[in-house]
Amino acid sequence: MGRIKEIFMQMYYANDGNIPEGATIGDLQRMEEMKIFQWQEYEREKERLRSEQSTLLNTRESTKIAKVQDYWEAELKTGKRRKPKKD
């Protein structure tokens, strides 16, 4: 039996005989690497890894956003209302 077919069969049995419509050969290979064959579990793990990677790549951006958010929260607490500039 071929390697991909073995992985396919593991996924097939782990998902109660259902193959998700969005599953690709790339997904099968990643599932084999992760040793996760249940589709929902795989999707959760994939999303967790994606968010971790995004956080690592965008730490500066998150810091900027946090600073701006802190600034506006402080403005709201003090009750200052800025008047729009008239053109």
Protein backbone atom coordinates (compact mmCIF):
# COMPACT_ATOMS: atom_id res chain seq x y z
CA MET A 1 0.00 0.00 0.00
CA GLY A 2 1.30 3.49 -0.84
CA ARG A 3 2.30 5.97 1.85
CA ILE A 4 -0.36 8.54 0.94
CA LYS A 5 -2.99 5.83 0.87
CA GLU A 6 -2.00 4.74 4.39
CA ILE A 7 -2.28 8.31 5.66
CA PHE A 8 -5.59 8.71 3.83
CA MET A 9 -6.94 5.56 5.50
CA GLN A 10 -5.83 6.78 8.94
CA MET A 11 -7.67 10.06 8.36
CA TYR A 12 -10.69 8.20 7.01
CA TYR A 13 -10.99 6.02 10.12
CA ALA A 14 -10.24 8.88 12.56
CA ASN A 15 -13.12 10.91 11.08
CA ASP A 16 -15.72 8.12 11.24
CA GLY A 17 -15.58 7.38 7.53
CA ASN A 18 -15.94 11.00 6.41
CA ILE A 19 -13.37 12.88 4.40
CA PRO A 20 -13.58 16.67 4.79
CA GLU A 21 -14.18 18.49 1.51
CA GLY A 22 -11.27 20.88 2.03
CA ALA A 23 -8.66 18.19 2.70
CA THR A 24 -5.68 18.27 0.38
CA ILE A 25 -2.57 16.13 0.00
CA GLY A 26 -0.65 18.88 1.80
CA ASP A 27 -3.06 18.55 4.72
CA LEU A 28 -2.51 14.80 4.74
CA GLN A 29 1.25 15.30 4.92
CA ARG A 30 0.96 17.86 7.74
CA MET A 31 -1.41 15.56 9.62
CA GLU A 32 1.17 12.78 9.35
CA GLU A 33 3.91 15.10 10.66
CA MET A 34 1.73 16.22 13.57
CA LYS A 35 0.36 12.72 14.18
CA ILE A 36 -3.16 14.20 14.25
CA PHE A 37 -5.71 12.48 12.03
CA GLN A 38 -8.99 13.87 13.38
CA TRP A 39 -9.90 16.81 11.11
CA GLN A 40 -11.32 19.19 13.74
CA GLU A 41 -8.35 18.63 16.03
CA TYR A 42 -6.02 19.24 13.09
CA GLU A 43 -7.81 22.50 12.19
CA ARG A 44 -7.54 23.74 15.80
CA GLU A 45 -3.84 22.92 15.95
CA LYS A 46 -3.22 24.55 12.57
CA GLU A 47 -5.01 27.73 13.73
CA ARG A 48 -3.04 27.75 17.00
CA LEU A 49 0.24 27.49 15.09
CA ARG A 50 -0.85 30.22 12.68
CA SER A 51 -1.73 32.59 15.53
CA GLU A 52 1.57 31.88 17.31
CA GLN A 53 3.50 32.61 14.13
CA SER A 54 1.49 35.76 13.51
CA THR A 55 2.15 36.96 17.06
CA LEU A 56 5.87 36.38 16.65
CA LEU A 57 5.98 38.25 13.35
CA ASN A 58 3.82 41.16 14.46
CA THR A 59 5.09 41.92 17.97
CA ARG A 60 5.94 45.51 17.07
CA GLU A 61 2.55 46.03 15.50
CA SER A 62 0.79 44.59 18.58
CA THR A 63 2.83 46.87 20.83
CA LYS A 64 1.82 49.92 18.77
CA ILE A 65 -1.83 48.90 18.87
CA ALA A 66 -1.67 48.37 22.63
CA LYS A 67 -0.11 51.82 23.15
CA VAL A 68 -2.75 53.53 21.02
CA GLN A 69 -5.50 51.62 22.77
CA ASP A 70 -4.11 52.60 26.20
CA TYR A 71 -3.97 56.24 25.10
CA TRP A 72 -7.59 56.31 24.01
CA GLU A 73 -8.78 54.46 27.11
CA ALA A 74 -7.02 57.08 29.26
CA GLU A 75 -8.68 59.84 27.21
CA LEU A 76 -12.08 58.28 27.76
CA LYS A 77 -11.51 57.92 31.51
CA THR A 78 -10.60 61.60 31.90
CA GLY A 79 -13.69 62.57 29.97
CA LYS A 80 -11.93 64.91 27.60
CA ARG A 81 -13.81 65.54 24.42
CA ARG A 82 -11.93 66.95 21.52
CA LYS A 83 -13.68 69.32 19.21
CA PRO A 84 -13.31 68.63 15.50
CA LYS A 85 -11.30 71.22 13.61
CA LYS A 86 -13.30 73.44 11.33
CA ASP A 87 -12.01 73.84 7.82
